[in-house]
C-alpha cells in the first residue's frame, strides 16, 4: 500500500483531519503522520509538520525508525509462524536453542520470552560489548544464552526493551531458518505492499525523518536517583550506563547508515503510519485480499499473559500498567486504544500502532517530536483516537 502523494480523508472522517491539524499547535508536534483503516479500507491518510533536522516538510513517503512499535511487528511474525506450526508458545526455548538451557533456563518457554517474563531484560553486565553489538550479533546472543535470569522466569514481568528482539530472533532463526527481518519482508511487507524494513537498504536512508527528543529519553539513566542497590531498578540503571543510545549521531552519515541497516527486531523497524495501520488491519480481516492470521490465532496471541504476575519497574516508555499477550501490548491506561479489545504496541517518543477488533480499525501514528509517554498515553494519540471513535 503506497501513498498517492495526496492526503486522503474519507467522507464522515473530517474530525480526524481537524484533530491532526490541531495537534501541531496543541500540544505541538513535529513531522507526523496518521493512517486509519476501517474494515480493511483506508479512511484517513495524512501527514504534515516539519522534519527539523533536514529542514524540510514531512515527505509524503517519509519513513521513521519507530522504536518499540517494532515489537508489534515482531509479534506479528511470531503469530504467523505460530499459525503455520513453525512455533509453539508453550515449547521450551532450549528445544530449538540448546545452549539457552544454561543457568537454570531449561524450562523457559517461547511464551515467556514473548511476554517479557523470561527474566532477561538486559544482557548481563560486564560483557565488554559496545554500541550495536549489545543489541544484535553472535556475541550478545551467546551472552544471553549463558545468562542467569534476574528472577524466576514466568513469575514476574519487566519490559525487555532490546533483548526481546535479540532472543526472539535467535529462536526464529533456529526454528525456521530465516531471521525475523527476512520474515518481515516476505510475510508482511511484500504481501501487503507496505514500506516496512528491519534493516533498511542504504538507498532509502534519505527518506528517513529522524526523531528528536523534546526532553531526556526514558532510556537515559537518571544519576540523581539512588535506588536500593539490591533492587531491579538498580540493575536496570546499571545497564543503561552500558546501553548504546537509541538513535545514531545524526551528524555522522556512516553511523546513521549502520544504525538503520542493523536488524534489531525490538526497536529497529523503519516504516510509516500506513504500514503500521495496514498490518494491524490485516490482523483483523482482509486488506487488498491479504489476511495475515485467523481469528483463532489472534485470540491466542492476544490472550493476557502478564495480568497475574508481579510487574517490576520498567523502561518508562510505555507506562507502569503495561500488559502483554504474546508480544503485543494489550489495552491499559497508558495504551487505552479504542477500548478493551485493542492491542498493538507503543514506541518510545509516542509512536503507536494498534488494532481494535470491536471497532474493526487499524491505526498507525508516527512523529518526529518525541516525548515520554504519560500514565494516560500521549495527548496526540488521544485526540486522534477520540476523533476516530466519534466517526465510527
Protein backbone atom coordinates (compact mmCIF):
# COMPACT_ATOMS: atom_id res chain seq x y z
CA UNK A 1 0.00 0.00 0.00
CA UNK A 2 1.86 3.09 -1.18
CA UNK A 3 0.94 6.73 -0.92
CA UNK A 4 -0.90 8.52 -3.68
CA UNK A 5 1.11 11.60 -2.57
CA UNK A 6 -2.21 13.26 -1.81
CA UNK A 7 -3.68 13.37 1.70
CA UNK A 8 -6.92 11.45 1.98
CA UNK A 9 -9.86 11.65 4.36
CA UNK A 10 -13.00 9.63 3.66
CA UNK A 11 -16.42 11.17 3.98
CA UNK A 12 -17.52 11.37 7.62
CA UNK A 13 -13.92 11.25 8.89
CA UNK A 14 -13.28 15.00 8.69
CA UNK A 15 -12.99 15.34 12.50
CA UNK A 16 -9.84 13.21 12.37
CA UNK A 17 -8.22 15.70 9.98
CA UNK A 18 -9.26 18.51 12.32
CA UNK A 19 -7.69 16.74 15.30
CA UNK A 20 -4.49 16.03 13.36
CA UNK A 21 -4.25 19.70 12.37
CA UNK A 22 -4.82 20.90 15.94
CA UNK A 23 -2.08 18.64 17.28
CA UNK A 24 0.56 20.80 15.59
CA UNK A 25 -0.34 23.72 17.85
CA UNK A 26 -1.83 21.98 20.89
CA UNK A 27 0.09 20.17 22.32
CA UNK A 28 2.55 20.68 19.44
CA UNK A 29 4.02 18.15 17.04
CA UNK A 30 6.97 17.80 14.70
CA UNK A 31 6.80 15.85 11.46
CA UNK A 32 3.91 13.43 11.88
CA UNK A 33 1.60 11.08 10.01
CA UNK A 34 -1.55 9.15 10.80
CA UNK A 35 -3.31 6.41 8.86
CA UNK A 36 -6.57 4.66 9.69
CA UNK A 37 -8.13 1.62 8.06
CA UNK A 38 -11.74 0.71 8.85
CA UNK A 39 -12.96 -2.72 7.80
CA UNK A 40 -9.92 -3.10 5.58
CA UNK A 41 -10.39 0.22 3.75
CA UNK A 42 -8.22 3.32 4.17
CA UNK A 43 -10.31 6.15 5.60
CA UNK A 44 -7.54 8.50 6.75
CA UNK A 45 -4.03 9.02 5.36
CA UNK A 46 -2.45 12.29 6.48
CA UNK A 47 0.99 13.72 7.05
CA UNK A 48 2.35 17.15 7.93
CA UNK A 49 4.72 19.21 10.00
CA UNK A 50 8.45 19.73 9.65
CA UNK A 51 11.48 17.47 9.60
CA UNK A 52 13.57 19.89 11.63
CA UNK A 53 16.88 18.07 11.28
CA UNK A 54 16.69 18.00 7.48
CA UNK A 55 14.89 21.36 7.15
CA UNK A 56 12.03 20.08 5.00
CA UNK A 57 8.30 19.46 5.24
CA UNK A 58 7.29 15.95 6.23
CA UNK A 59 7.58 14.00 2.94
CA UNK A 60 4.61 12.02 1.67
CA UNK A 61 6.90 8.96 1.57
CA UNK A 62 8.78 9.80 4.78
CA UNK A 63 9.91 6.90 6.94
CA UNK A 64 10.76 6.77 10.63
CA UNK A 65 12.53 4.37 12.96
CA UNK A 66 9.60 3.52 15.21
CA UNK A 67 11.40 2.17 18.30
CA UNK A 68 9.28 -0.36 20.20
CA UNK A 69 6.46 -0.28 17.68
CA UNK A 70 8.91 -2.77 16.14
CA UNK A 71 7.89 -5.26 18.83
CA UNK A 72 4.37 -5.32 17.41
CA UNK A 73 5.82 -6.16 14.00
CA UNK A 74 7.90 -8.95 15.53
CA UNK A 75 4.81 -10.20 17.38
CA UNK A 76 3.04 -10.42 14.02
CA UNK A 77 5.85 -12.58 12.63
CA UNK A 78 5.53 -14.83 15.69
CA UNK A 79 1.76 -15.07 15.23
CA UNK A 80 2.13 -16.02 11.57
CA UNK A 81 4.76 -18.66 12.34
CA UNK A 82 2.59 -20.00 15.15
CA UNK A 83 -0.32 -20.35 12.72
CA UNK A 84 1.95 -22.24 10.32
CA UNK A 85 3.03 -24.64 13.06
CA UNK A 86 6.66 -23.46 13.00
CA UNK A 87 6.49 -22.10 16.57
CA UNK A 88 4.64 -23.12 19.72
CA UNK A 89 4.44 -20.63 22.60
CA UNK A 90 4.39 -23.49 25.14
CA UNK A 91 7.59 -25.04 23.77
CA UNK A 92 10.84 -24.65 25.69
CA UNK A 93 13.33 -22.28 24.08
CA UNK A 94 16.05 -24.91 24.60
CA UNK A 95 14.21 -27.24 22.20
CA UNK A 96 15.39 -25.01 19.36
CA UNK A 97 18.38 -23.45 21.08
CA UNK A 98 20.07 -25.98 23.41
CA UNK A 99 22.68 -23.53 24.71
CA UNK A 100 19.89 -21.43 26.20
CA UNK A 101 19.22 -24.08 28.87
CA UNK A 102 22.25 -22.88 30.86
CA UNK A 103 21.95 -21.20 34.26
CA UNK A 104 18.53 -22.57 35.12
CA UNK A 105 16.72 -21.54 31.93
CA UNK A 106 15.88 -25.03 30.68
CA UNK A 107 12.16 -24.52 31.44
CA UNK A 108 11.83 -21.05 29.86
CA UNK A 109 9.24 -21.10 27.07
CA UNK A 110 8.84 -19.05 23.93
CA UNK A 111 5.73 -17.55 25.51
CA UNK A 112 7.75 -16.26 28.47
CA UNK A 113 10.21 -14.54 26.16
CA UNK A 114 7.43 -13.00 24.08
CA UNK A 115 5.58 -11.75 27.17
CA UNK A 116 8.62 -10.20 28.91
CA UNK A 117 8.57 -12.66 31.81
CA UNK A 118 11.77 -14.58 30.96
CA UNK A 119 13.97 -12.66 33.42
CA UNK A 120 16.48 -11.41 30.83
CA UNK A 121 15.52 -7.75 30.29
CA UNK A 122 19.13 -6.78 29.53
CA UNK A 123 22.33 -8.59 28.58
CA UNK A 124 24.46 -9.48 31.60
CA UNK A 125 26.60 -6.61 32.83
CA UNK A 126 30.29 -6.52 32.02
CA UNK A 127 30.24 -8.24 28.64
CA UNK A 128 32.64 -5.65 27.25
CA UNK A 129 30.40 -5.24 24.23
CA UNK A 130 29.67 -1.75 23.00
CA UNK A 131 27.28 0.03 20.68
CA UNK A 132 25.16 -2.05 18.35
CA UNK A 133 26.99 -5.21 19.46
CA UNK A 134 24.91 -5.02 22.65
CA UNK A 135 21.77 -5.17 20.52
CA UNK A 136 22.49 -7.84 17.93
CA UNK A 137 25.08 -10.35 16.80
CA UNK A 138 26.59 -13.64 17.96
CA UNK A 139 28.44 -12.24 20.99
CA UNK A 140 25.43 -10.76 22.77
CA UNK A 141 23.30 -13.76 21.75
CA UNK A 142 25.84 -16.10 23.37
CA UNK A 143 25.96 -13.89 26.48
CA UNK A 144 22.18 -14.11 26.83
CA UNK A 145 22.23 -17.88 26.34
CA UNK A 146 24.62 -18.20 29.28
CA UNK A 147 22.98 -15.56 31.48
CA UNK A 148 21.25 -16.21 34.78
CA UNK A 149 17.70 -14.81 34.91
CA UNK A 150 17.14 -11.85 37.23
CA UNK A 151 14.02 -13.56 38.61
CA UNK A 152 12.35 -16.96 38.34
CA UNK A 153 11.09 -16.98 34.76
CA UNK A 154 7.33 -16.76 34.45
CA UNK A 155 6.80 -15.28 37.94
CA UNK A 156 7.30 -11.58 37.18
CA UNK A 157 7.27 -9.19 34.24
CA UNK A 158 9.68 -6.40 33.39
CA UNK A 159 9.85 -4.87 29.96
CA UNK A 160 12.70 -6.30 27.85
CA UNK A 161 13.50 -3.20 25.72
CA UNK A 162 16.02 -4.78 23.34
CA UNK A 163 16.62 -8.38 24.44
CA UNK A 164 13.03 -9.16 23.42
CA UNK A 165 14.20 -8.89 19.81
CA UNK A 166 17.64 -10.45 20.26
CA UNK A 167 16.22 -13.56 21.93
CA UNK A 168 13.28 -13.98 19.58
CA UNK A 169 15.45 -13.52 16.51
CA UNK A 170 17.68 -16.41 17.55
CA UNK A 171 14.66 -18.60 18.28
CA UNK A 172 13.04 -17.77 14.95
CA UNK A 173 16.28 -18.37 13.02
CA UNK A 174 16.73 -21.79 14.60
CA UNK A 175 13.09 -22.79 14.19
CA UNK A 176 12.54 -21.50 10.66
CA UNK A 177 15.96 -20.99 9.09
CA UNK A 178 15.30 -17.29 8.47
CA UNK A 179 15.67 -14.13 10.54
CA UNK A 180 12.78 -12.01 11.74
CA UNK A 181 13.89 -9.29 9.31
CA UNK A 182 13.55 -11.72 6.39
CA UNK A 183 10.11 -12.80 7.56
CA UNK A 184 9.02 -9.17 7.90
CA UNK A 185 9.64 -8.69 4.20
CA UNK A 186 8.21 -11.97 2.92
CA UNK A 187 5.26 -12.41 5.30
CA UNK A 188 4.13 -8.82 5.87
CA UNK A 189 5.69 -6.05 3.78
CA UNK A 190 5.64 -7.63 0.32
CA UNK A 191 2.17 -9.26 0.51
CA UNK A 192 0.62 -6.04 1.84
CA UNK A 193 2.70 -3.75 -0.38
CA UNK A 194 3.86 -1.56 2.52
CA UNK A 195 7.10 0.21 3.39
CA UNK A 196 8.47 -1.84 6.29
CA UNK A 197 12.03 -2.95 6.98
CA UNK A 198 14.19 -4.23 9.80
CA UNK A 199 17.49 -3.39 8.22
CA UNK A 200 16.97 -0.52 5.81
CA UNK A 201 18.58 -0.63 2.34
CA UNK A 202 21.11 2.23 2.16
CA UNK A 203 19.46 3.86 -0.85
CA UNK A 204 16.35 4.55 1.28
CA UNK A 205 18.17 6.42 4.07
CA UNK A 206 17.30 9.88 2.59
CA UNK A 207 13.62 9.12 3.14
CA UNK A 208 14.05 8.72 6.91
CA UNK A 209 12.83 11.54 9.16
CA UNK A 210 14.89 11.47 12.40
CA UNK A 211 13.26 11.63 15.78
CA UNK A 212 14.33 14.31 18.23
CA UNK A 213 13.63 14.18 21.96
CA UNK A 214 11.95 17.21 23.45
CA UNK A 215 13.38 16.24 26.83
CA UNK A 216 15.58 13.44 28.16
CA UNK A 217 14.89 9.99 26.74
CA UNK A 218 13.48 7.50 29.26
CA UNK A 219 16.31 5.15 28.23
CA UNK A 220 18.87 7.60 29.69
CA UNK A 221 20.00 6.71 33.22
CA UNK A 222 18.93 9.10 35.96
CA UNK A 223 22.05 9.72 38.02
CA UNK A 224 20.13 11.82 40.54
CA UNK A 225 18.20 8.85 41.89
CA UNK A 226 19.72 6.17 44.09
CA UNK A 227 17.59 3.01 44.10
CA UNK A 228 18.20 0.21 46.57
CA UNK A 229 21.40 -1.45 45.30
CA UNK A 230 19.73 -4.87 45.52
CA UNK A 231 16.66 -3.82 43.56
CA UNK A 232 15.72 -4.44 39.96
CA UNK A 233 15.67 -0.66 39.48
CA UNK A 234 19.37 -0.53 40.37
CA UNK A 235 20.19 -3.35 37.96
CA UNK A 236 18.30 -1.55 35.22
CA UNK A 237 20.11 1.71 35.90
CA UNK A 238 23.48 -0.05 35.74
CA UNK A 239 22.66 -1.49 32.35
CA UNK A 240 21.53 1.87 30.96
CA UNK A 241 25.06 3.14 31.58
CA UNK A 242 26.31 0.42 29.18
CA UNK A 243 23.43 0.63 26.71
CA UNK A 244 24.14 2.47 23.45
CA UNK A 245 21.98 5.47 22.55
CA UNK A 246 18.67 4.67 20.90
CA UNK A 247 19.49 6.90 17.93
CA UNK A 248 22.72 7.45 15.98
CA UNK A 249 24.73 10.65 15.84
CA UNK A 250 22.86 12.35 13.03
CA UNK A 251 25.99 14.35 12.13
CA UNK A 252 27.78 11.10 11.25
CA UNK A 253 26.37 9.67 7.97
CA UNK A 254 28.24 6.37 8.39
CA UNK A 255 26.80 5.84 11.87
CA UNK A 256 23.32 6.70 10.63
CA UNK A 257 23.57 4.13 7.84
CA UNK A 258 24.91 1.50 10.26
CA UNK A 259 22.06 2.07 12.73
CA UNK A 260 19.39 1.97 10.04
CA UNK A 261 20.87 -1.17 8.44
CA UNK A 262 21.06 -3.07 11.73
CA UNK A 263 18.48 -5.83 12.21
CA UNK A 264 17.02 -5.09 15.65
CA UNK A 265 13.58 -6.71 15.91
CA UNK A 266 12.75 -4.97 19.20
CA UNK A 267 13.45 -1.38 18.23
CA UNK A 268 14.82 -1.12 14.70
CA UNK A 269 11.84 -1.23 12.34
CA UNK A 270 11.81 1.61 9.81
CA UNK A 271 8.38 2.22 8.42
CA UNK A 272 5.47 4.67 8.27
CA UNK A 273 1.97 5.13 9.65
CA UNK A 274 0.46 3.46 6.56
CA UNK A 275 2.37 0.24 7.11
CA UNK A 276 1.52 0.07 10.82
CA UNK A 277 -2.18 0.70 10.22
CA UNK A 278 -2.30 -1.73 7.28
CA UNK A 279 -0.51 -4.51 9.16
CA UNK A 280 -2.83 -4.19 12.14
CA UNK A 281 -5.92 -4.04 9.92
CA UNK A 282 -4.77 -7.23 8.18
CA UNK A 283 -4.70 -8.98 11.57
CA UNK A 284 -8.46 -8.35 11.75
CA UNK A 285 -9.54 -9.17 8.21
CA UNK A 286 -8.51 -8.95 4.57
CA UNK A 287 -6.74 -5.84 3.26
CA UNK A 288 -6.45 -5.91 -0.51
CA UNK A 289 -7.20 -9.63 -0.34
CA UNK A 290 -4.46 -10.32 2.23
CA UNK A 291 -5.27 -11.51 5.75
CA UNK A 292 -2.29 -12.24 7.99
CA UNK A 293 -3.76 -14.56 10.64
CA UNK A 294 -7.02 -16.28 11.52
CA UNK A 295 -9.41 -15.14 14.21
CA UNK A 296 -8.41 -18.19 16.27
CA UNK A 297 -4.71 -17.33 16.13
CA UNK A 298 -5.49 -13.72 17.01
CA UNK A 299 -7.34 -14.90 20.10
CA UNK A 300 -4.30 -16.96 21.12
CA UNK A 301 -1.72 -14.21 20.72
CA UNK A 302 -3.85 -11.54 22.41
CA UNK A 303 -4.74 -13.66 25.43
CA UNK A 304 -3.33 -11.88 28.54
CA UNK A 305 -0.05 -13.40 29.71
CA UNK A 306 1.03 -10.95 32.42
CA UNK A 307 -2.09 -9.98 34.35
CA UNK A 308 -1.39 -12.44 37.14
CA UNK A 309 2.31 -11.76 37.72
CA UNK A 310 4.23 -9.04 39.53
CA UNK A 311 5.22 -6.07 37.36
CA UNK A 312 8.71 -4.76 38.09
CA UNK A 313 9.96 -1.26 37.29
CA UNK A 314 10.12 -0.96 33.51
CA UNK A 315 11.62 1.36 30.97
CA UNK A 316 9.17 4.22 31.23
CA UNK A 317 8.34 4.25 27.52
CA UNK A 318 5.00 2.54 27.96
CA UNK A 319 3.77 3.19 31.49
CA UNK A 320 3.77 1.18 34.72
CA UNK A 321 0.50 -0.58 33.86
CA UNK A 322 1.89 -2.26 30.74
CA UNK A 323 0.20 -5.58 29.84
CA UNK A 324 1.16 -8.23 27.31
CA UNK A 325 -0.17 -11.05 25.23
CA UNK A 326 2.36 -12.93 23.07
CA UNK A 327 4.40 -9.88 22.15
CA UNK A 328 1.51 -7.48 21.67
CA UNK A 329 0.71 -4.83 24.24
CA UNK A 330 -2.86 -5.10 25.44
CA UNK A 331 -5.14 -2.20 26.32
CA UNK A 332 -4.19 -0.37 29.52
CA UNK A 333 -4.38 3.13 30.96
CA UNK A 334 -1.19 4.16 29.15
CA UNK A 335 -2.26 2.49 25.88
CA UNK A 336 -6.06 2.69 26.01
CA UNK A 337 -6.57 2.40 22.27
CA UNK A 338 -10.22 2.32 21.21
CA UNK A 339 -11.36 0.07 24.04
CA UNK A 340 -10.59 -3.10 25.99
CA UNK A 341 -10.05 -5.26 22.89
CA UNK A 342 -7.33 -3.02 21.40
CA UNK A 343 -3.85 -4.50 21.01
CA UNK A 344 -0.64 -3.34 19.35
CA UNK A 345 2.48 -1.59 20.58
CA UNK A 346 3.70 1.81 21.61
CA UNK A 347 7.11 3.14 20.61
CA UNK A 348 9.40 5.46 22.53
CA UNK A 349 8.60 9.07 21.83
CA UNK A 350 4.87 8.31 21.37
CA UNK A 351 4.70 6.33 18.14
CA UNK A 352 1.78 3.90 18.09
CA UNK A 353 0.28 1.07 16.07
CA UNK A 354 -2.89 -0.71 17.18
CA UNK A 355 -5.74 -2.92 16.05
CA UNK A 356 -9.21 -2.98 17.53
CA UNK A 357 -11.39 -5.99 16.67
CA UNK A 358 -14.55 -4.47 18.14
CA UNK A 359 -14.29 -1.29 16.05
CA UNK A 360 -12.60 -3.06 13.08
CA UNK A 361 -9.86 -0.43 12.99
CA UNK A 362 -6.15 -0.49 12.19
CA UNK A 363 -4.33 2.64 13.36
CA UNK A 364 -0.81 3.96 12.82
CA UNK A 365 0.73 7.19 14.13
CA UNK A 366 4.35 8.32 13.84
CA UNK A 367 6.03 11.51 14.99
CA UNK A 368 9.49 13.06 14.99
CA UNK A 369 8.81 15.11 18.15
CA UNK A 370 9.49 12.54 20.84
CA UNK A 371 8.02 12.87 24.31
CA UNK A 372 7.80 10.46 27.23
CA UNK A 373 4.52 8.58 27.24
CA UNK A 374 2.46 9.57 30.26
CA UNK A 375 0.24 7.45 32.51
CA UNK A 376 -2.76 8.22 30.28
CA UNK A 377 -0.96 7.79 26.96
CA UNK A 378 0.07 10.65 24.69
CA UNK A 379 -2.36 13.55 24.16
CA UNK A 380 -1.66 13.48 20.41
CA UNK A 381 -2.93 9.90 20.19
CA UNK A 382 -5.86 10.65 22.43
CA UNK A 383 -7.07 13.50 20.20
CA UNK A 384 -6.84 11.31 17.09
CA UNK A 385 -8.37 8.19 18.64
CA UNK A 386 -11.22 10.15 20.22
CA UNK A 387 -11.95 11.73 16.83
CA UNK A 388 -11.85 8.37 15.04
CA UNK A 389 -14.12 6.75 17.59
CA UNK A 390 -16.59 9.57 17.14
CA UNK A 391 -16.70 8.92 13.38
CA UNK A 392 -17.42 5.20 13.57
